[in-house]
Structures are given as structure tokens and as C-alpha cells.
PDB file of all heavy atoms in Angstrom:
ATOM      1  N   ARG A   1     -45.627-124.435 136.769  1.00  0.00           N
ATOM      2  CA  ARG A   1     -44.350-124.767 136.273  1.00  0.00           C
ATOM      3  C   ARG A   1     -44.431-125.606 134.954  1.00  0.00           C
ATOM      4  O   ARG A   1     -43.501-125.695 134.188  1.00  0.00           O
ATOM      5  CB  ARG A   1     -43.506-125.467 137.314  1.00  0.00           C
ATOM      6  CG  ARG A   1     -42.940-124.490 138.293  1.00  0.00           C
ATOM      7  CD  ARG A   1     -42.207-125.036 139.471  1.00  0.00           C
ATOM      8  NE  ARG A   1     -41.211-126.018 139.011  1.00  0.00           N
ATOM      9  CZ  ARG A   1     -40.519-126.807 139.821  1.00  0.00           C
ATOM     10  NH1 ARG A   1     -40.780-126.653 141.148  1.00  0.00           N
ATOM     11  NH2 ARG A   1     -39.656-127.715 139.432  1.00  0.00           N
ATOM     12  N   ALA A   2     -45.488-126.353 134.810  1.00  0.00           N
ATOM     13  CA  ALA A   2     -45.685-127.193 133.683  1.00  0.00           C
ATOM     14  C   ALA A   2     -45.954-126.373 132.370  1.00  0.00           C
ATOM     15  O   ALA A   2     -45.766-126.845 131.279  1.00  0.00           O
ATOM     16  CB  ALA A   2     -46.813-128.229 133.837  1.00  0.00           C
ATOM     17  N   ARG A   3     -46.486-125.129 132.541  1.00  0.00           N
ATOM     18  CA  ARG A   3     -46.847-124.291 131.419  1.00  0.00           C
ATOM     19  C   ARG A   3     -45.662-124.152 130.474  1.00  0.00           C
ATOM     20  O   ARG A   3     -45.846-124.380 129.243  1.00  0.00           O
ATOM     21  CB  ARG A   3     -47.332-122.961 131.885  1.00  0.00           C
ATOM     22  CG  ARG A   3     -48.802-122.991 132.337  1.00  0.00           C
ATOM     23  CD  ARG A   3     -49.138-121.585 132.886  1.00  0.00           C
ATOM     24  NE  ARG A   3     -50.581-121.387 133.081  1.00  0.00           N
ATOM     25  CZ  ARG A   3     -51.437-120.974 132.211  1.00  0.00           C
ATOM     26  NH1 ARG A   3     -50.974-120.691 130.990  1.00  0.00           N
ATOM     27  NH2 ARG A   3     -52.673-120.879 132.407  1.00  0.00           N
ATOM     28  N   PRO A   4     -44.465-123.651 130.930  1.00  0.00           N
ATOM     29  CA  PRO A   4     -43.390-123.455 129.943  1.00  0.00           C
ATOM     30  C   PRO A   4     -42.904-124.770 129.366  1.00  0.00           C
ATOM     31  O   PRO A   4     -42.421-124.752 128.227  1.00  0.00           O
ATOM     32  CB  PRO A   4     -42.343-122.714 130.745  1.00  0.00           C
ATOM     33  CG  PRO A   4     -42.646-122.981 132.165  1.00  0.00           C
ATOM     34  CD  PRO A   4     -44.164-123.117 132.319  1.00  0.00           C
ATOM     35  N   VAL A   5     -42.936-125.806 130.114  1.00  0.00           N
ATOM     36  CA  VAL A   5     -42.498-127.190 129.628  1.00  0.00           C
ATOM     37  C   VAL A   5     -43.396-127.523 128.449  1.00  0.00           C
ATOM     38  O   VAL A   5     -42.807-128.023 127.441  1.00  0.00           O
ATOM     39  CB  VAL A   5     -42.561-128.203 130.757  1.00  0.00           C
ATOM     40  CG1 VAL A   5     -42.259-129.581 130.183  1.00  0.00           C
ATOM     41  CG2 VAL A   5     -41.658-127.915 131.933  1.00  0.00           C
ATOM     42  N   LEU A   6     -44.686-127.307 128.507  1.00  0.00           N
ATOM     43  CA  LEU A   6     -45.553-127.651 127.428  1.00  0.00           C
ATOM     44  C   LEU A   6     -45.874-126.522 126.454  1.00  0.00           C
ATOM     45  O   LEU A   6     -46.721-126.693 125.553  1.00  0.00           O
ATOM     46  CB  LEU A   6     -46.853-128.235 127.926  1.00  0.00           C
ATOM     47  CG  LEU A   6     -46.740-129.564 128.776  1.00  0.00           C
ATOM     48  CD1 LEU A   6     -48.015-129.919 129.467  1.00  0.00           C
ATOM     49  CD2 LEU A   6     -46.277-130.676 127.802  1.00  0.00           C
ATOM     50  N   HIS A   7     -45.234-125.315 126.672  1.00  0.00           N
ATOM     51  CA  HIS A   7     -45.376-124.198 125.775  1.00  0.00           C
ATOM     52  C   HIS A   7     -46.973-123.845 125.705  1.00  0.00           C
ATOM     53  O   HIS A   7     -47.489-123.760 124.618  1.00  0.00           O
ATOM     54  CB  HIS A   7     -44.850-124.436 124.441  1.00  0.00           C
ATOM     55  CG  HIS A   7     -43.340-124.717 124.480  1.00  0.00           C
ATOM     56  ND1 HIS A   7     -42.817-126.003 124.593  1.00  0.00           N
ATOM     57  CD2 HIS A   7     -42.298-123.853 124.419  1.00  0.00           C
ATOM     58  CE1 HIS A   7     -41.450-125.932 124.627  1.00  0.00           C
ATOM     59  NE2 HIS A   7     -41.129-124.612 124.446  1.00  0.00           N
ATOM     60  N   ILE A   8     -47.482-123.606 126.887  1.00  0.00           N
ATOM     61  CA  ILE A   8     -48.943-123.236 126.938  1.00  0.00           C
ATOM     62  C   ILE A   8     -49.015-121.736 126.992  1.00  0.00           C
ATOM     63  O   ILE A   8     -48.248-121.007 127.664  1.00  0.00           O
ATOM     64  CB  ILE A   8     -49.554-123.815 128.290  1.00  0.00           C
ATOM     65  CG1 ILE A   8     -49.514-125.358 128.196  1.00  0.00           C
ATOM     66  CG2 ILE A   8     -51.016-123.424 128.382  1.00  0.00           C
ATOM     67  CD1 ILE A   8     -49.895-126.004 129.462  1.00  0.00           C
ATOM     68  N   PRO A   9     -49.968-121.111 126.247  1.00  0.00           N
ATOM     69  CA  PRO A   9     -50.123-119.638 126.239  1.00  0.00           C
ATOM     70  C   PRO A   9     -50.272-119.151 127.623  1.00  0.00           C
ATOM     71  O   PRO A   9     -50.854-119.750 128.516  1.00  0.00           O
ATOM     72  CB  PRO A   9     -51.283-119.383 125.356  1.00  0.00           C
ATOM     73  CG  PRO A   9     -51.406-120.621 124.561  1.00  0.00           C
ATOM     74  CD  PRO A   9     -50.936-121.770 125.323  1.00  0.00           C
ATOM     75  N   ASP A  10     -49.817-117.930 127.865  1.00  0.00           N
ATOM     76  CA  ASP A  10     -49.877-117.289 129.179  1.00  0.00           C
ATOM     77  C   ASP A  10     -51.294-116.712 129.422  1.00  0.00           C
ATOM     78  O   ASP A  10     -51.468-115.484 129.457  1.00  0.00           O
ATOM     79  CB  ASP A  10     -48.784-116.170 129.332  1.00  0.00           C
ATOM     80  CG  ASP A  10     -48.720-115.618 130.723  1.00  0.00           C
ATOM     81  OD1 ASP A  10     -49.156-116.359 131.574  1.00  0.00           O
ATOM     82  OD2 ASP A  10     -48.251-114.544 130.926  1.00  0.00           O
ATOM     83  N   ILE A  11     -52.218-117.549 129.436  1.00  0.00           N
ATOM     84  CA  ILE A  11     -53.639-117.181 129.673  1.00  0.00           C
ATOM     85  C   ILE A  11     -54.146-118.026 130.838  1.00  0.00           C
ATOM     86  O   ILE A  11     -53.917-119.220 130.921  1.00  0.00           O
ATOM     87  CB  ILE A  11     -54.536-117.508 128.449  1.00  0.00           C
ATOM     88  CG1 ILE A  11     -54.063-116.696 127.268  1.00  0.00           C
ATOM     89  CG2 ILE A  11     -55.987-117.225 128.663  1.00  0.00           C
ATOM     90  CD1 ILE A  11     -54.669-117.046 125.939  1.00  0.00           C
ATOM     91  N   PRO A  12     -54.818-117.467 131.869  1.00  0.00           N
ATOM     92  CA  PRO A  12     -55.244-118.185 132.974  1.00  0.00           C
ATOM     93  C   PRO A  12     -56.303-119.221 132.653  1.00  0.00           C
ATOM     94  O   PRO A  12     -57.100-118.989 131.778  1.00  0.00           O
ATOM     95  CB  PRO A  12     -55.799-117.136 133.988  1.00  0.00           C
ATOM     96  CG  PRO A  12     -56.143-115.991 133.155  1.00  0.00           C
ATOM     97  CD  PRO A  12     -55.244-115.938 131.967  1.00  0.00           C
ATOM     98  N   PHE A  13     -56.296-120.345 133.440  1.00  0.00           N
ATOM     99  CA  PHE A  13     -57.431-121.284 133.317  1.00  0.00           C
ATOM    100  C   PHE A  13     -58.579-120.895 134.250  1.00  0.00           C
ATOM    101  O   PHE A  13     -58.371-120.145 135.231  1.00  0.00           O
ATOM    102  CB  PHE A  13     -56.929-122.670 133.746  1.00  0.00           C
ATOM    103  CG  PHE A  13     -55.998-123.340 132.813  1.00  0.00           C
ATOM    104  CD1 PHE A  13     -54.682-123.331 133.014  1.00  0.00           C
ATOM    105  CD2 PHE A  13     -56.521-123.957 131.652  1.00  0.00           C
ATOM    106  CE1 PHE A  13     -53.747-124.048 132.123  1.00  0.00           C
ATOM    107  CE2 PHE A  13     -55.682-124.571 130.775  1.00  0.00           C
ATOM    108  CZ  PHE A  13     -54.317-124.616 130.994  1.00  0.00           C
ATOM    109  N   ASP A  14     -59.718-121.317 133.864  1.00  0.00           N
ATOM    110  CA  ASP A  14     -60.952-121.063 134.755  1.00  0.00           C
ATOM    111  C   ASP A  14     -61.084-119.661 135.140  1.00  0.00           C
ATOM    112  O   ASP A  14     -61.450-119.300 136.317  1.00  0.00           O
ATOM    113  CB  ASP A  14     -60.863-121.987 135.987  1.00  0.00           C
ATOM    114  CG  ASP A  14     -60.828-123.480 135.616  1.00  0.00           C
ATOM    115  OD1 ASP A  14     -61.537-123.855 134.714  1.00  0.00           O
ATOM    116  OD2 ASP A  14     -60.081-124.174 136.275  1.00  0.00           O
ATOM    117  N   ASN A  15     -60.819-118.649 134.246  1.00  0.00           N
ATOM    118  CA  ASN A  15     -60.930-117.279 134.505  1.00  0.00           C
ATOM    119  C   ASN A  15     -62.253-116.742 133.987  1.00  0.00           C
ATOM    120  O   ASN A  15     -62.555-116.887 132.780  1.00  0.00           O
ATOM    121  CB  ASN A  15     -59.721-116.591 133.876  1.00  0.00           C
ATOM    122  CG  ASN A  15     -59.725-115.102 134.142  1.00  0.00           C
ATOM    123  OD1 ASN A  15     -60.383-114.274 133.480  1.00  0.00           O
ATOM    124  ND2 ASN A  15     -59.041-114.686 135.220  1.00  0.00           N
ATOM    125  N   ALA A  16     -63.047-116.060 134.880  1.00  0.00           N
ATOM    126  CA  ALA A  16     -64.352-115.683 134.463  1.00  0.00           C
ATOM    127  C   ALA A  16     -64.316-114.620 133.349  1.00  0.00           C
ATOM    128  O   ALA A  16     -65.084-114.573 132.491  1.00  0.00           O
ATOM    129  CB  ALA A  16     -65.115-115.057 135.636  1.00  0.00           C
ATOM    130  N   ALA A  17     -63.335-113.665 133.437  1.00  0.00           N
ATOM    131  CA  ALA A  17     -63.242-112.654 132.423  1.00  0.00           C
ATOM    132  C   ALA A  17     -62.931-113.268 131.006  1.00  0.00           C
ATOM    133  O   ALA A  17     -63.476-112.941 130.005  1.00  0.00           O
ATOM    134  CB  ALA A  17     -62.204-111.653 132.865  1.00  0.00           C
ATOM    135  N   VAL A  18     -61.992-114.225 130.987  1.00  0.00           N
ATOM    136  CA  VAL A  18     -61.630-114.830 129.732  1.00  0.00           C
ATOM    137  C   VAL A  18     -62.778-115.613 129.206  1.00  0.00           C
ATOM    138  O   VAL A  18     -63.082-115.595 128.043  1.00  0.00           O
ATOM    139  CB  VAL A  18     -60.404-115.802 129.959  1.00  0.00           C
ATOM    140  CG1 VAL A  18     -60.153-116.539 128.707  1.00  0.00           C
ATOM    141  CG2 VAL A  18     -59.257-114.963 130.407  1.00  0.00           C
ATOM    142  N   LEU A  19     -63.507-116.357 130.068  1.00  0.00           N
ATOM    143  CA  LEU A  19     -64.645-117.131 129.697  1.00  0.00           C
ATOM    144  C   LEU A  19     -65.745-116.255 129.182  1.00  0.00           C
ATOM    145  O   LEU A  19     -66.328-116.487 128.076  1.00  0.00           O
ATOM    146  CB  LEU A  19     -65.101-117.942 130.893  1.00  0.00           C
ATOM    147  CG  LEU A  19     -66.281-118.997 130.504  1.00  0.00           C
ATOM    148  CD1 LEU A  19     -65.740-119.992 129.477  1.00  0.00           C
ATOM    149  CD2 LEU A  19     -66.617-119.750 131.780  1.00  0.00           C
ATOM    150  N   ALA A  20     -66.035-115.096 129.804  1.00  0.00           N
ATOM    151  CA  ALA A  20     -67.020-114.185 129.300  1.00  0.00           C
ATOM    152  C   ALA A  20     -66.656-113.625 127.900  1.00  0.00           C
ATOM    153  O   ALA A  20     -67.599-113.344 127.073  1.00  0.00           O
ATOM    154  CB  ALA A  20     -67.209-113.096 130.290  1.00  0.00           C
ATOM    155  N   ARG A  21     -65.395-113.352 127.683  1.00  0.00           N
ATOM    156  CA  ARG A  21     -64.988-112.885 126.369  1.00  0.00           C
ATOM    157  C   ARG A  21     -65.165-113.863 125.248  1.00  0.00           C
ATOM    158  O   ARG A  21     -65.313-113.453 124.072  1.00  0.00           O
ATOM    159  CB  ARG A  21     -63.541-112.429 126.447  1.00  0.00           C
ATOM    160  CG  ARG A  21     -63.069-111.491 125.358  1.00  0.00           C
ATOM    161  CD  ARG A  21     -61.738-110.888 125.731  1.00  0.00           C
ATOM    162  NE  ARG A  21     -60.610-111.788 125.784  1.00  0.00           N
ATOM    163  CZ  ARG A  21     -59.862-112.054 126.843  1.00  0.00           C
ATOM    164  NH1 ARG A  21     -60.189-111.526 128.009  1.00  0.00           N
ATOM    165  NH2 ARG A  21     -58.939-112.932 126.860  1.00  0.00           N
ATOM    166  N   THR A  22     -65.190-115.127 125.574  1.00  0.00           N
ATOM    167  CA  THR A  22     -65.212-116.152 124.523  1.00  0.00           C
ATOM    168  C   THR A  22     -66.521-117.003 124.561  1.00  0.00           C
ATOM    169  O   THR A  22     -66.650-117.967 123.840  1.00  0.00           O
ATOM    170  CB  THR A  22     -64.062-117.122 124.594  1.00  0.00           C
ATOM    171  OG1 THR A  22     -64.098-117.715 125.928  1.00  0.00           O
ATOM    172  CG2 THR A  22     -62.678-116.334 124.475  1.00  0.00           C
ATOM    173  N   ALA A  23     -67.451-116.608 125.419  1.00  0.00           N
ATOM    174  CA  ALA A  23     -68.595-117.493 125.700  1.00  0.00           C
ATOM    175  C   ALA A  23     -69.544-117.471 124.530  1.00  0.00           C
ATOM    176  O   ALA A  23     -69.647-116.442 123.757  1.00  0.00           O
ATOM    177  CB  ALA A  23     -69.357-117.017 126.939  1.00  0.00           C
ATOM    178  N   PRO A  24     -70.311-118.455 124.263  1.00  0.00           N
ATOM    179  CA  PRO A  24     -71.343-118.499 123.246  1.00  0.00           C
ATOM    180  C   PRO A  24     -72.471-117.588 123.567  1.00  0.00           C
ATOM    181  O   PRO A  24     -72.666-117.189 124.722  1.00  0.00           O
ATOM    182  CB  PRO A  24     -71.767-119.933 123.191  1.00  0.00           C
ATOM    183  CG  PRO A  24     -71.481-120.564 124.578  1.00  0.00           C
ATOM    184  CD  PRO A  24     -70.227-119.767 125.004  1.00  0.00           C
ATOM    185  N   PRO A  25     -73.345-117.251 122.553  1.00  0.00           N
ATOM    186  CA  PRO A  25     -74.374-116.289 122.763  1.00  0.00           C
ATOM    187  C   PRO A  25     -75.613-116.900 123.467  1.00  0.00           C
ATOM    188  O   PRO A  25     -76.734-116.541 123.052  1.00  0.00           O
ATOM    189  CB  PRO A  25     -74.648-115.791 121.333  1.00  0.00           C
ATOM    190  CG  PRO A  25     -74.382-116.994 120.505  1.00  0.00           C
ATOM    191  CD  PRO A  25     -73.187-117.680 121.105  1.00  0.00           C
ATOM    192  N   PHE A  26     -75.475-117.761 124.303  1.00  0.00           N
ATOM    193  CA  PHE A  26     -76.515-118.365 125.139  1.00  0.00           C
ATOM    194  C   PHE A  26     -76.020-118.837 126.440  1.00  0.00           C
ATOM    195  O   PHE A  26     -74.785-119.113 126.558  1.00  0.00           O
ATOM    196  CB  PHE A  26     -77.297-119.419 124.317  1.00  0.00           C
ATOM    197  CG  PHE A  26     -76.353-120.482 123.715  1.00  0.00           C
ATOM    198  CD1 PHE A  26     -75.878-121.521 124.448  1.00  0.00           C
ATOM    199  CD2 PHE A  26     -75.982-120.407 122.367  1.00  0.00           C
ATOM    200  CE1 PHE A  26     -75.042-122.461 123.883  1.00  0.00           C
ATOM    201  CE2 PHE A  26     -75.173-121.281 121.744  1.00  0.00           C
ATOM    202  CZ  PHE A  26     -74.690-122.314 122.564  1.00  0.00           C
ATOM    203  N   GLN A  27     -76.857-119.029 127.376  1.00  0.00           N
ATOM    204  CA  GLN A  27     -76.432-119.309 128.748  1.00  0.00           C
ATOM    205  C   GLN A  27     -77.143-120.548 129.259  1.00  0.00           C
ATOM    206  O   GLN A  27     -78.344-120.528 129.511  1.00  0.00           O
ATOM    207  CB  GLN A  27     -76.630-118.059 129.662  1.00  0.00           C
ATOM    208  CG  GLN A  27     -76.228-118.347 131.128  1.00  0.00           C
ATOM    209  CD  GLN A  27     -74.804-118.562 131.200  1.00  0.00           C
ATOM    210  OE1 GLN A  27     -73.986-117.732 130.776  1.00  0.00           O
ATOM    211  NE2 GLN A  27     -74.350-119.639 131.835  1.00  0.00           N
ATOM    212  N   PHE A  28     -76.386-121.590 129.499  1.00  0.00           N
ATOM    213  CA  PHE A  28     -77.000-122.745 130.170  1.00  0.00           C
ATOM    214  C   PHE A  28     -77.182-122.486 131.640  1.00  0.00           C
ATOM    215  O   PHE A  28     -76.627-121.564 132.226  1.00  0.00           O
ATOM    216  CB  PHE A  28     -76.050-124.012 130.037  1.00  0.00           C
ATOM    217  CG  PHE A  28     -75.860-124.479 128.684  1.00  0.00           C
ATOM    218  CD1 PHE A  28     -74.574-124.538 128.073  1.00  0.00           C
ATOM    219  CD2 PHE A  28     -76.884-125.028 128.001  1.00  0.00           C
ATOM    220  CE1 PHE A  28     -74.400-125.015 126.804  1.00  0.00           C
ATOM    221  CE2 PHE A  28     -76.684-125.472 126.679  1.00  0.00           C
ATOM    222  CZ  PHE A  28     -75.527-125.512 126.083  1.00  0.00           C
ATOM    223  N   ASP A  29     -78.110-123.257 132.267  1.00  0.00           N
ATOM    224  CA  ASP A  29     -78.277-123.110 133.696  1.00  0.00           C
ATOM    225  C   ASP A  29     -76.949-123.568 134.403  1.00  0.00           C
ATOM    226  O   ASP A  29     -76.521-124.706 134.310  1.00  0.00           O
ATOM    227  CB  ASP A  29     -79.425-124.104 134.134  1.00  0.00           C
ATOM    228  CG  ASP A  29     -79.699-124.033 135.633  1.00  0.00           C
ATOM    229  OD1 ASP A  29     -78.924-123.531 136.375  1.00  0.00           O
ATOM    230  OD2 ASP A  29     -80.739-124.597 136.013  1.00  0.00           O
ATOM    231  N   PRO A  30     -76.301-122.642 135.090  1.00  0.00           N
ATOM    232  CA  PRO A  30     -75.014-122.899 135.653  1.00  0.00           C
ATOM    233  C   PRO A  30     -75.039-123.937 136.778  1.00  0.00           C
ATOM    234  O   PRO A  30     -74.016-124.488 137.148  1.00  0.00           O
ATOM    235  CB  PRO A  30     -74.599-121.546 136.247  1.00  0.00           C
ATOM    236  CG  PRO A  30     -75.815-120.804 136.449  1.00  0.00           C
ATOM    237  CD  PRO A  30     -76.741-121.206 135.400  1.00  0.00           C
ATOM    238  N   ASP A  31     -76.244-124.320 137.271  1.00  0.00           N
ATOM    239  CA  ASP A  31     -76.288-125.427 138.249  1.00  0.00           C
ATOM    240  C   ASP A  31     -76.240-126.744 137.514  1.00  0.00           C
ATOM    241  O   ASP A  31     -76.284-127.794 138.142  1.00  0.00           O
ATOM    242  CB  ASP A  31     -77.531-125.239 139.043  1.00  0.00           C
ATOM    243  CG  ASP A  31     -77.414-124.200 140.180  1.00  0.00           C
ATOM    244  OD1 ASP A  31     -76.289-123.904 140.454  1.00  0.00           O
ATOM    245  OD2 ASP A  31     -78.453-123.799 140.569  1.00  0.00           O
ATOM    246  N   LYS A  32     -76.351-126.740 136.141  1.00  0.00           N
ATOM    247  CA  LYS A  32     -76.418-127.969 135.414  1.00  0.00           C
ATOM    248  C   LYS A  32     -75.196-128.110 134.444  1.00  0.00           C
ATOM    249  O   LYS A  32     -74.504-129.147 134.478  1.00  0.00           O
ATOM    250  CB  LYS A  32     -77.670-128.125 134.571  1.00  0.00           C
ATOM    251  CG  LYS A  32     -78.994-128.150 135.489  1.00  0.00           C
ATOM    252  CD  LYS A  32     -80.200-128.197 134.564  1.00  0.00           C
ATOM    253  CE  LYS A  32     -81.395-128.355 135.413  1.00  0.00           C
ATOM    254  NZ  LYS A  32     -82.704-128.333 134.636  1.00  0.00           N
ATOM    255  N   LEU A  33     -74.985-127.104 133.632  1.00  0.00           N
ATOM    256  CA  LEU A  33     -73.929-127.197 132.660  1.00  0.00           C
ATOM    257  C   LEU A  33     -73.075-125.879 132.658  1.00  0.00           C
ATOM    258  O   LEU A  33     -73.644-124.781 132.790  1.00  0.00           O
ATOM    259  CB  LEU A  33     -74.505-127.354 131.272  1.00  0.00           C
ATOM    260  CG  LEU A  33     -75.316-128.617 130.927  1.00  0.00           C
ATOM    261  CD1 LEU A  33     -75.937-128.522 129.535  1.00  0.00           C
ATOM    262  CD2 LEU A  33     -74.437-129.865 131.092  1.00  0.00           C
ATOM    263  N   VAL A  34     -71.771-126.038 132.624  1.00  0.00           N
ATOM    264  CA  VAL A  34     -70.877-124.902 132.630  1.00  0.00           C
ATOM    265  C   VAL A  34     -69.862-125.111 131.484  1.00  0.00           C
ATOM    266  O   VAL A  34     -69.556-126.187 131.058  1.00  0.00           O
ATOM    267  CB  VAL A  34     -70.126-124.805 133.967  1.00  0.00           C
ATOM    268  CG1 VAL A  34     -71.068-124.440 135.139  1.00  0.00           C
ATOM    269  CG2 VAL A  34     -69.325-125.969 134.307  1.00  0.00           C
ATOM    270  N   HIS A  35     -69.403-123.935 131.052  1.00  0.00           N
ATOM    271  CA  HIS A  35     -68.333-123.953 130.002  1.00  0.00           C
ATOM    272  C   HIS A  35     -66.927-123.898 130.654  1.00  0.00           C
ATOM    273  O   HIS A  35     -66.739-123.221 131.595  1.00  0.00           O
ATOM    274  CB  HIS A  35     -68.447-122.803 129.054  1.00  0.00           C
ATOM    275  CG  HIS A  35     -69.595-122.892 128.054  1.00  0.00           C
ATOM    276  ND1 HIS A  35     -70.714-122.247 128.130  1.00  0.00           N
ATOM    277  CD2 HIS A  35     -69.604-123.678 126.960  1.00  0.00           C
ATOM    278  CE1 HIS A  35     -71.534-122.562 127.129  1.00  0.00           C
ATOM    279  NE2 HIS A  35     -70.899-123.436 126.424  1.00  0.00           N
ATOM    280  N   ARG A  36     -66.076-124.753 130.118  1.00  0.00           N
ATOM    281  CA  ARG A  36     -64.642-124.738 130.457  1.00  0.00           C
ATOM    282  C   ARG A  36     -63.855-124.659 129.202  1.00  0.00           C
ATOM    283  O   ARG A  36     -64.304-125.235 128.144  1.00  0.00           O
ATOM    284  CB  ARG A  36     -64.268-125.949 131.285  1.00  0.00           C
ATOM    285  CG  ARG A  36     -64.942-125.985 132.633  1.00  0.00           C
ATOM    286  CD  ARG A  36     -64.236-127.039 133.527  1.00  0.00           C
ATOM    287  NE  ARG A  36     -62.958-126.628 133.935  1.00  0.00           N
ATOM    288  CZ  ARG A  36     -61.995-127.565 134.448  1.00  0.00           C
ATOM    289  NH1 ARG A  36     -62.417-128.840 134.587  1.00  0.00           N
ATOM    290  NH2 ARG A  36     -60.810-127.152 134.742  1.00  0.00           N
ATOM    291  N   TYR A  37     -62.709-124.069 129.183  1.00  0.00           N
ATOM    292  CA  TYR A  37     -61.902-124.014 128.025  1.00  0.00           C
ATOM    293  C   TYR A  37     -60.522-124.607 128.306  1.00  0.00           C
ATOM    294  O   TYR A  37     -59.998-124.597 129.466  1.00  0.00           O
ATOM    295  CB  TYR A  37     -61.735-122.588 127.543  1.00  0.00           C
ATOM    296  CG  TYR A  37     -61.213-121.576 128.578  1.00  0.00           C
ATOM    297  CD1 TYR A  37     -59.791-121.451 128.798  1.00  0.00           C
ATOM    298  CD2 TYR A  37     -62.058-120.844 129.373  1.00  0.00           C
ATOM    299  CE1 TYR A  37     -59.339-120.567 129.740  1.00  0.00           C
ATOM    300  CE2 TYR A  37     -61.572-119.902 130.314  1.00  0.00           C
ATOM    301  CZ  TYR A  37     -60.208-119.819 130.481  1.00  0.00           C
ATOM    302  OH  TYR A  37     -59.705-118.965 131.414  1.00  0.00           O
ATOM    303  N   ASP A  38     -59.903-125.262 127.273  1.00  0.00           N
ATOM    304  CA  ASP A  38     -58.560-125.728 127.419  1.00  0.00           C
ATOM    305  C   ASP A  38     -57.650-124.828 126.632  1.00  0.00           C
ATOM    306  O   ASP A  38     -58.081-124.026 125.751  1.00  0.00           O
ATOM    307  CB  ASP A  38     -58.466-127.191 126.903  1.00  0.00           C
ATOM    308  CG  ASP A  38     -58.802-127.353 125.398  1.00  0.00           C
ATOM    309  OD1 ASP A  38     -60.015-127.415 125.090  1.00  0.00           O
ATOM    310  OD2 ASP A  38     -57.895-127.262 124.630  1.00  0.00           O
ATOM    311  N   LEU A  39     -56.364-124.906 126.829  1.00  0.00           N
ATOM    312  CA  LEU A  39     -55.379-124.131 126.154  1.00  0.00           C
ATOM    313  C   LEU A  39     -54.490-125.112 125.371  1.00  0.00           C
ATOM    314  O   LEU A  39     -54.182-126.161 125.869  1.00  0.00           O
ATOM    315  CB  LEU A  39     -54.565-123.244 127.064  1.00  0.00           C
ATOM    316  CG  LEU A  39     -55.306-122.212 127.857  1.00  0.00           C
ATOM    317  CD1 LEU A  39     -54.476-121.600 128.947  1.00  0.00           C
ATOM    318  CD2 LEU A  39     -55.905-121.160 126.943  1.00  0.00           C
ATOM    319  N   PRO A  40     -54.050-124.750 124.163  1.00  0.00           N
ATOM    320  CA  PRO A  40     -53.224-125.729 123.335  1.00  0.00           C
ATOM    321  C   PRO A  40     -51.735-125.517 123.752  1.00  0.00           C
ATOM    322  O   PRO A  40     -51.174-124.436 123.898  1.00  0.00           O
ATOM    323  CB  PRO A  40     -53.473-125.212 121.939  1.00  0.00           C
ATOM    324  CG  PRO A  40     -53.720-123.723 122.067  1.00  0.00           C
ATOM    325  CD  PRO A  40     -54.448-123.512 123.411  1.00  0.00           C
ATOM    326  N   SER A  41     -51.048-126.737 123.764  1.00  0.00           N
ATOM    327  CA  SER A  41     -49.625-126.736 123.721  1.00  0.00           C
ATOM    328  C   SER A  41     -49.167-126.187 122.387  1.00  0.00           C
ATOM    329  O   SER A  41     -49.663-126.775 121.347  1.00  0.00           O
ATOM    330  CB  SER A  41     -49.053-128.136 123.953  1.00  0.00           C
ATOM    331  OG  SER A  41     -47.717-128.126 123.725  1.00  0.00           O
ATOM    332  N   GLN A  42     -48.384-125.259 122.350  1.00  0.00           N
ATOM    333  CA  GLN A  42     -47.964-124.669 121.032  1.00  0.00           C
ATOM    334  C   GLN A  42     -46.817-125.444 120.417  1.00  0.00           C
ATOM    335  O   GLN A  42     -46.479-125.221 119.244  1.00  0.00           O
ATOM    336  CB  GLN A  42     -47.558-123.213 121.250  1.00  0.00           C
ATOM    337  CG  GLN A  42     -48.718-122.313 121.679  1.00  0.00           C
ATOM    338  CD  GLN A  42     -48.413-120.881 121.939  1.00  0.00           C
ATOM    339  OE1 GLN A  42     -47.380-120.607 122.601  1.00  0.00           O
ATOM    340  NE2 GLN A  42     -49.302-119.956 121.574  1.00  0.00           N
ATOM    341  N   GLN A  43     -46.251-126.409 121.115  1.00  0.00           N
ATOM    342  CA  GLN A  43     -45.239-127.271 120.649  1.00  0.00           C
ATOM    343  C   GLN A  43     -45.425-128.732 121.305  1.00  0.00           C
ATOM    344  O   GLN A  43     -44.757-129.103 122.193  1.00  0.00           O
ATOM    345  CB  GLN A  43     -43.843-126.812 120.921  1.00  0.00           C
ATOM    346  CG  GLN A  43     -43.523-125.477 120.234  1.00  0.00           C
ATOM    347  CD  GLN A  43     -42.036-125.122 120.392  1.00  0.00           C
ATOM    348  OE1 GLN A  43     -41.120-125.791 120.025  1.00  0.00           O
ATOM    349  NE2 GLN A  43     -41.788-123.919 120.933  1.00  0.00           N
ATOM    350  N   PRO A  44     -46.435-129.421 120.778  1.00  0.00           N
ATOM    351  CA  PRO A  44     -46.852-130.694 121.518  1.00  0.00           C
ATOM    352  C   PRO A  44     -45.856-131.887 121.297  1.00  0.00           C
ATOM    353  O   PRO A  44     -46.021-132.847 122.036  1.00  0.00           O
ATOM    354  CB  PRO A  44     -48.202-131.000 121.006  1.00  0.00           C
ATOM    355  CG  PRO A  44     -48.259-130.383 119.663  1.00  0.00           C
ATOM    356  CD  PRO A  44     -47.414-129.135 119.726  1.00  0.00           C
TER     357      PRO A  44
END
């Protein structure tokens, strides 16, 4: 419910498919380092 209040894009958080689409061209050991992405408020 906070998404529309903060005008956050309709993209899921912590989504494997989204992360794979935007991941860098190298892979850290997932037991040590993982990638997470944030989404911008379009009207902060």
C-alpha cells in the first residue's frame, strides 16, 4: 500500500527474473555477496 503513496514503479522487489535481467556480467559467491536493487520514488 505504500507503493502508490510514494509513486514507486510497479516492479516487484527481490524478484529473481528482474534481478537476472539487470545483473552485472559476473557472479559473486551467493553464500557471501548478493545483489539487491532498490526502486526510485518517482515523486519524492
